[in-house]
Amino acid sequence: MKESSSQRVVADSQVSKIIKSLAELENDLDSLNVKVADMKKALSASAQKEIDSLREKVTSMAMHEAEAMISETKARAESQAKKIASDGAGKLEKTKANIESKFNEAVESAVSTILKP
């Protein structure tokens, strides 16, 4: 019986060691879970920061591109407006010259029509 009592003490001791080891393992797992959760939060915060930074860069690039396109379009429109104004001025001068060259003829025609018996 003594052997079984000593075997039981050894078995209880081994069971206690196993339980203690499992408890330590459980504590380690809990600690790792906390660390993983903290890492997830840090990674998420870092990703959000990078997203915000990239969004800002893309917005800035888009604004610069839009400003460049607007400036180019404005320059083209101003150039076209100057050309149209120049063409209009040339046509106006031509029309004035035609009016002046035909004015005397028109007056003579009107006078002769009015004075016709």
N, C-alpha and C. Protein backbone atom coordinates (compact mmCIF):
# COMPACT_ATOMS: atom_id res chain seq x y z
N MET A 1 0.77 -1.18 0.00
CA MET A 1 0.00 0.00 0.00
C MET A 1 0.83 1.27 0.00
N LYS A 2 2.00 1.15 0.59
CA LYS A 2 2.87 2.29 0.63
C LYS A 2 3.25 2.74 -0.76
N GLU A 3 3.46 1.79 -1.63
CA GLU A 3 3.84 2.13 -2.99
C GLU A 3 2.72 2.87 -3.69
N SER A 4 1.54 2.45 -3.49
CA SER A 4 0.44 3.11 -4.16
C SER A 4 0.24 4.51 -3.59
N SER A 5 0.49 4.69 -2.32
CA SER A 5 0.40 6.01 -1.73
C SER A 5 1.49 6.92 -2.28
N SER A 6 2.69 6.39 -2.43
CA SER A 6 3.78 7.20 -2.98
C SER A 6 3.57 7.42 -4.47
N GLN A 7 3.00 6.43 -5.12
CA GLN A 7 2.69 6.61 -6.54
C GLN A 7 1.62 7.68 -6.71
N ARG A 8 0.66 7.67 -5.79
CA ARG A 8 -0.41 8.65 -5.84
C ARG A 8 0.16 10.05 -5.61
N VAL A 9 1.09 10.21 -4.69
CA VAL A 9 1.72 11.49 -4.41
C VAL A 9 2.50 11.95 -5.63
N VAL A 10 3.24 11.04 -6.27
CA VAL A 10 3.99 11.37 -7.48
C VAL A 10 3.02 11.75 -8.59
N ALA A 11 1.95 10.99 -8.72
CA ALA A 11 0.95 11.27 -9.76
C ALA A 11 0.30 12.61 -9.48
N ASP A 12 -0.06 12.89 -8.22
CA ASP A 12 -0.65 14.18 -7.87
C ASP A 12 0.32 15.31 -8.16
N SER A 13 1.59 15.07 -7.88
CA SER A 13 2.63 16.06 -8.13
C SER A 13 2.75 16.33 -9.63
N GLN A 14 2.72 15.27 -10.41
CA GLN A 14 2.81 15.42 -11.86
C GLN A 14 1.56 16.12 -12.41
N VAL A 15 0.41 15.78 -11.88
CA VAL A 15 -0.85 16.41 -12.30
C VAL A 15 -0.80 17.90 -11.95
N SER A 16 -0.28 18.22 -10.78
CA SER A 16 -0.16 19.62 -10.35
C SER A 16 0.77 20.37 -11.29
N LYS A 17 1.88 19.73 -11.66
CA LYS A 17 2.82 20.37 -12.60
C LYS A 17 2.15 20.61 -13.95
N ILE A 18 1.40 19.62 -14.40
CA ILE A 18 0.70 19.74 -15.70
C ILE A 18 -0.33 20.86 -15.62
N ILE A 19 -1.09 20.91 -14.54
CA ILE A 19 -2.11 21.96 -14.37
C ILE A 19 -1.44 23.33 -14.31
N LYS A 20 -0.33 23.40 -13.56
CA LYS A 20 0.41 24.66 -13.47
C LYS A 20 0.93 25.07 -14.84
N SER A 21 1.48 24.11 -15.59
CA SER A 21 1.98 24.39 -16.95
C SER A 21 0.85 24.84 -17.86
N LEU A 22 -0.31 24.20 -17.76
CA LEU A 22 -1.46 24.60 -18.59
C LEU A 22 -1.94 26.00 -18.21
N ALA A 23 -1.93 26.31 -16.91
CA ALA A 23 -2.33 27.64 -16.47
C ALA A 23 -1.37 28.70 -17.01
N GLU A 24 -0.08 28.39 -16.95
CA GLU A 24 0.92 29.32 -17.50
C GLU A 24 0.74 29.48 -19.00
N LEU A 25 0.47 28.38 -19.68
CA LEU A 25 0.23 28.42 -21.12
C LEU A 25 -1.01 29.26 -21.43
N GLU A 26 -2.06 29.10 -20.62
CA GLU A 26 -3.27 29.90 -20.81
C GLU A 26 -2.98 31.38 -20.60
N ASN A 27 -2.19 31.69 -19.58
CA ASN A 27 -1.80 33.09 -19.33
C ASN A 27 -0.99 33.64 -20.50
N ASP A 28 -0.07 32.81 -21.03
CA ASP A 28 0.73 33.23 -22.19
C ASP A 28 -0.17 33.48 -23.40
N LEU A 29 -1.16 32.61 -23.61
CA LEU A 29 -2.09 32.80 -24.73
C LEU A 29 -2.90 34.07 -24.55
N ASP A 30 -3.36 34.32 -23.33
CA ASP A 30 -4.11 35.56 -23.06
C ASP A 30 -3.22 36.78 -23.34
N SER A 31 -1.98 36.70 -22.89
CA SER A 31 -1.04 37.79 -23.13
C SER A 31 -0.81 37.99 -24.63
N LEU A 32 -0.65 36.90 -25.35
CA LEU A 32 -0.47 37.00 -26.81
C LEU A 32 -1.71 37.58 -27.48
N ASN A 33 -2.89 37.19 -27.02
CA ASN A 33 -4.12 37.74 -27.59
C ASN A 33 -4.19 39.25 -27.38
N VAL A 34 -3.78 39.69 -26.20
CA VAL A 34 -3.77 41.14 -25.92
C VAL A 34 -2.77 41.83 -26.84
N LYS A 35 -1.57 41.23 -26.99
CA LYS A 35 -0.55 41.82 -27.86
C LYS A 35 -1.03 41.85 -29.32
N VAL A 36 -1.68 40.80 -29.77
CA VAL A 36 -2.20 40.75 -31.14
C VAL A 36 -3.27 41.83 -31.34
N ALA A 37 -4.13 41.99 -30.35
CA ALA A 37 -5.16 43.03 -30.45
C ALA A 37 -4.52 44.41 -30.51
N ASP A 38 -3.49 44.64 -29.70
CA ASP A 38 -2.77 45.92 -29.75
C ASP A 38 -2.10 46.13 -31.09
N MET A 39 -1.51 45.06 -31.63
CA MET A 39 -0.86 45.15 -32.94
C MET A 39 -1.89 45.45 -34.03
N LYS A 40 -3.06 44.84 -33.94
CA LYS A 40 -4.13 45.10 -34.91
C LYS A 40 -4.53 46.57 -34.87
N LYS A 41 -4.67 47.10 -33.64
CA LYS A 41 -5.04 48.52 -33.50
C LYS A 41 -3.96 49.42 -34.08
N ALA A 42 -2.69 49.10 -33.77
CA ALA A 42 -1.58 49.90 -34.29
C ALA A 42 -1.52 49.82 -35.81
N LEU A 43 -1.70 48.63 -36.36
CA LEU A 43 -1.68 48.45 -37.80
C LEU A 43 -2.84 49.19 -38.47
N SER A 44 -3.99 49.11 -37.84
CA SER A 44 -5.16 49.82 -38.37
C SER A 44 -4.94 51.33 -38.34
N ALA A 45 -4.38 51.83 -37.25
CA ALA A 45 -4.10 53.27 -37.15
C ALA A 45 -3.07 53.68 -38.19
N SER A 46 -2.04 52.86 -38.37
CA SER A 46 -1.01 53.15 -39.36
C SER A 46 -1.59 53.14 -40.78
N ALA A 47 -2.43 52.15 -41.06
CA ALA A 47 -3.06 52.07 -42.38
C ALA A 47 -3.96 53.27 -42.63
N GLN A 48 -4.71 53.69 -41.60
CA GLN A 48 -5.59 54.85 -41.76
C GLN A 48 -4.77 56.11 -42.01
N LYS A 49 -3.63 56.24 -41.30
CA LYS A 49 -2.75 57.38 -41.49
C LYS A 49 -2.23 57.42 -42.92
N GLU A 50 -1.82 56.25 -43.42
CA GLU A 50 -1.30 56.16 -44.79
C GLU A 50 -2.40 56.46 -45.80
N ILE A 51 -3.60 55.96 -45.54
CA ILE A 51 -4.74 56.24 -46.42
C ILE A 51 -5.01 57.74 -46.48
N ASP A 52 -5.01 58.39 -45.31
CA ASP A 52 -5.25 59.84 -45.26
C ASP A 52 -4.16 60.59 -46.00
N SER A 53 -2.91 60.17 -45.81
CA SER A 53 -1.79 60.82 -46.49
C SER A 53 -1.91 60.67 -48.00
N LEU A 54 -2.22 59.45 -48.45
CA LEU A 54 -2.36 59.22 -49.90
C LEU A 54 -3.55 59.97 -50.48
N ARG A 55 -4.65 60.02 -49.71
CA ARG A 55 -5.83 60.76 -50.17
C ARG A 55 -5.47 62.24 -50.35
N GLU A 56 -4.71 62.77 -49.39
CA GLU A 56 -4.29 64.17 -49.47
C GLU A 56 -3.40 64.40 -50.69
N LYS A 57 -2.45 63.47 -50.93
CA LYS A 57 -1.56 63.60 -52.08
C LYS A 57 -2.34 63.52 -53.39
N VAL A 58 -3.26 62.57 -53.47
CA VAL A 58 -4.06 62.41 -54.70
C VAL A 58 -4.93 63.64 -54.93
N THR A 59 -5.52 64.16 -53.87
CA THR A 59 -6.34 65.37 -53.99
C THR A 59 -5.49 66.54 -54.47
N SER A 60 -4.30 66.67 -53.89
CA SER A 60 -3.40 67.75 -54.29
C SER A 60 -2.99 67.60 -55.76
N MET A 61 -2.66 66.37 -56.16
CA MET A 61 -2.28 66.13 -57.55
C MET A 61 -3.45 66.44 -58.49
N ALA A 62 -4.65 66.04 -58.09
CA ALA A 62 -5.83 66.30 -58.92
C ALA A 62 -6.09 67.79 -59.03
N MET A 63 -5.90 68.51 -57.92
CA MET A 63 -6.12 69.97 -57.95
C MET A 63 -5.11 70.63 -58.89
N HIS A 64 -3.83 70.21 -58.79
CA HIS A 64 -2.81 70.79 -59.67
C HIS A 64 -3.11 70.47 -61.13
N GLU A 65 -3.52 69.25 -61.39
CA GLU A 65 -3.86 68.85 -62.76
C GLU A 65 -5.05 69.66 -63.28
N ALA A 66 -6.06 69.81 -62.42
CA ALA A 66 -7.25 70.58 -62.83
C ALA A 66 -6.87 72.03 -63.07
N GLU A 67 -6.02 72.60 -62.21
CA GLU A 67 -5.59 73.99 -62.41
C GLU A 67 -4.82 74.14 -63.72
N ALA A 68 -3.96 73.15 -64.00
CA ALA A 68 -3.20 73.19 -65.26
C ALA A 68 -4.14 73.11 -66.45
N MET A 69 -5.14 72.23 -66.37
CA MET A 69 -6.10 72.09 -67.47
C MET A 69 -6.91 73.37 -67.64
N ILE A 70 -7.31 73.97 -66.52
CA ILE A 70 -8.08 75.21 -66.59
C ILE A 70 -7.25 76.32 -67.20
N SER A 71 -5.98 76.42 -66.76
CA SER A 71 -5.09 77.45 -67.31
C SER A 71 -4.89 77.27 -68.81
N GLU A 72 -4.68 76.02 -69.22
CA GLU A 72 -4.48 75.73 -70.64
C GLU A 72 -5.73 76.07 -71.45
N THR A 73 -6.88 75.67 -70.92
CA THR A 73 -8.14 75.95 -71.61
C THR A 73 -8.41 77.44 -71.67
N LYS A 74 -8.11 78.14 -70.58
CA LYS A 74 -8.30 79.60 -70.54
C LYS A 74 -7.40 80.28 -71.57
N ALA A 75 -6.13 79.83 -71.64
CA ALA A 75 -5.20 80.41 -72.61
C ALA A 75 -5.69 80.18 -74.03
N ARG A 76 -6.18 78.94 -74.29
CA ARG A 76 -6.71 78.65 -75.63
C ARG A 76 -7.93 79.50 -75.94
N ALA A 77 -8.81 79.66 -74.96
CA ALA A 77 -10.02 80.46 -75.16
C ALA A 77 -9.67 81.93 -75.40
N GLU A 78 -8.70 82.44 -74.64
CA GLU A 78 -8.28 83.83 -74.85
C GLU A 78 -7.66 84.01 -76.22
N SER A 79 -6.87 83.05 -76.64
CA SER A 79 -6.25 83.11 -77.97
C SER A 79 -7.33 83.09 -79.06
N GLN A 80 -8.30 82.20 -78.87
CA GLN A 80 -9.39 82.11 -79.84
C GLN A 80 -10.21 83.40 -79.84
N ALA A 81 -10.45 83.96 -78.66
CA ALA A 81 -11.22 85.21 -78.57
C ALA A 81 -10.48 86.35 -79.28
N LYS A 82 -9.16 86.41 -79.10
CA LYS A 82 -8.36 87.45 -79.79
C LYS A 82 -8.44 87.27 -81.30
N LYS A 83 -8.37 86.01 -81.74
CA LYS A 83 -8.44 85.73 -83.18
C LYS A 83 -9.81 86.14 -83.73
N ILE A 84 -10.86 85.79 -82.98
CA ILE A 84 -12.22 86.15 -83.42
C ILE A 84 -12.38 87.66 -83.45
N ALA A 85 -11.86 88.34 -82.41
CA ALA A 85 -11.94 89.81 -82.36
C ALA A 85 -11.16 90.42 -83.51
N SER A 86 -9.99 89.86 -83.80
CA SER A 86 -9.17 90.36 -84.90
C SER A 86 -9.87 90.15 -86.24
N ASP A 87 -10.43 88.94 -86.42
CA ASP A 87 -11.18 88.67 -87.65
C ASP A 87 -12.37 89.61 -87.78
N GLY A 88 -13.08 89.82 -86.65
CA GLY A 88 -14.24 90.72 -86.66
C GLY A 88 -13.83 92.15 -87.00
N ALA A 89 -12.71 92.60 -86.43
CA ALA A 89 -12.22 93.95 -86.73
C ALA A 89 -11.85 94.08 -88.20
N GLY A 90 -11.22 93.02 -88.74
CA GLY A 90 -10.87 93.03 -90.17
C GLY A 90 -12.11 93.09 -91.04
N LYS A 91 -13.12 92.31 -90.71
CA LYS A 91 -14.37 92.31 -91.48
C LYS A 91 -15.09 93.65 -91.34
N LEU A 92 -15.03 94.24 -90.16
CA LEU A 92 -15.65 95.55 -89.94
C LEU A 92 -14.96 96.60 -90.80
N GLU A 93 -13.65 96.57 -90.83
CA GLU A 93 -12.91 97.52 -91.67
C GLU A 93 -13.24 97.33 -93.14
N LYS A 94 -13.34 96.07 -93.57
CA LYS A 94 -13.67 95.78 -94.96
C LYS A 94 -15.08 96.29 -95.28
N THR A 95 -16.01 96.06 -94.34
CA THR A 95 -17.39 96.52 -94.54
C THR A 95 -17.43 98.05 -94.61
N LYS A 96 -16.69 98.71 -93.69
CA LYS A 96 -16.63 100.18 -93.71
C LYS A 96 -16.05 100.68 -95.03
N ALA A 97 -15.01 100.00 -95.51
CA ALA A 97 -14.39 100.40 -96.79
C ALA A 97 -15.39 100.22 -97.93
N ASN A 98 -16.14 99.12 -97.90
CA ASN A 98 -17.16 98.89 -98.94
C ASN A 98 -18.23 99.96 -98.88
N ILE A 99 -18.66 100.30 -97.65
CA ILE A 99 -19.69 101.34 -97.49
C ILE A 99 -19.17 102.66 -98.03
N GLU A 100 -17.94 103.00 -97.65
CA GLU A 100 -17.38 104.27 -98.11
C GLU A 100 -17.20 104.30 -99.63
N SER A 101 -16.77 103.17 -100.20
CA SER A 101 -16.55 103.15 -101.65
C SER A 101 -17.88 103.21 -102.40
N LYS A 102 -18.95 102.71 -101.83
CA LYS A 102 -20.24 102.69 -102.51
C LYS A 102 -21.16 103.84 -102.07
N PHE A 103 -20.70 104.62 -101.06
CA PHE A 103 -21.56 105.67 -100.52
C PHE A 103 -21.96 106.69 -101.58
N ASN A 104 -20.98 107.21 -102.30
CA ASN A 104 -21.28 108.22 -103.33
C ASN A 104 -22.21 107.65 -104.40
N GLU A 105 -21.96 106.44 -104.79
CA GLU A 105 -22.81 105.78 -105.79
C GLU A 105 -24.23 105.62 -105.26
N ALA A 106 -24.38 105.25 -103.98
CA ALA A 106 -25.70 105.08 -103.38
C ALA A 106 -26.42 106.42 -103.28
N VAL A 107 -25.70 107.48 -102.93
CA VAL A 107 -26.30 108.81 -102.85
C VAL A 107 -26.76 109.25 -104.23
N GLU A 108 -25.96 109.08 -105.24
CA GLU A 108 -26.33 109.46 -106.61
C GLU A 108 -27.55 108.68 -107.07
N SER A 109 -27.58 107.39 -106.75
CA SER A 109 -28.72 106.55 -107.13
C SER A 109 -30.00 107.02 -106.42
N ALA A 110 -29.89 107.35 -105.13
CA ALA A 110 -31.05 107.83 -104.37
C ALA A 110 -31.51 109.17 -104.91
N VAL A 111 -30.60 110.07 -105.16
CA VAL A 111 -30.95 111.41 -105.67
C VAL A 111 -31.59 111.27 -107.04
N SER A 112 -31.05 110.45 -107.91
CA SER A 112 -31.61 110.32 -109.25
C SER A 112 -32.98 109.66 -109.20
N THR A 113 -33.19 108.76 -108.26
CA THR A 113 -34.50 108.12 -108.12
C THR A 113 -35.51 109.12 -107.61
N ILE A 114 -35.12 109.93 -106.66
CA ILE A 114 -36.02 110.93 -106.08
C ILE A 114 -36.33 112.02 -107.09
N LEU A 115 -35.35 112.44 -107.84
CA LEU A 115 -35.52 113.54 -108.76
C LEU A 115 -36.08 113.11 -110.14
N LYS A 116 -36.30 111.91 -110.35
CA LYS A 116 -36.82 111.42 -111.63
C LYS A 116 -38.23 111.96 -111.81
N PRO A 117 -38.46 112.48 -112.97
CA PRO A 117 -39.81 113.00 -113.25
C PRO A 117 -40.81 111.90 -113.52
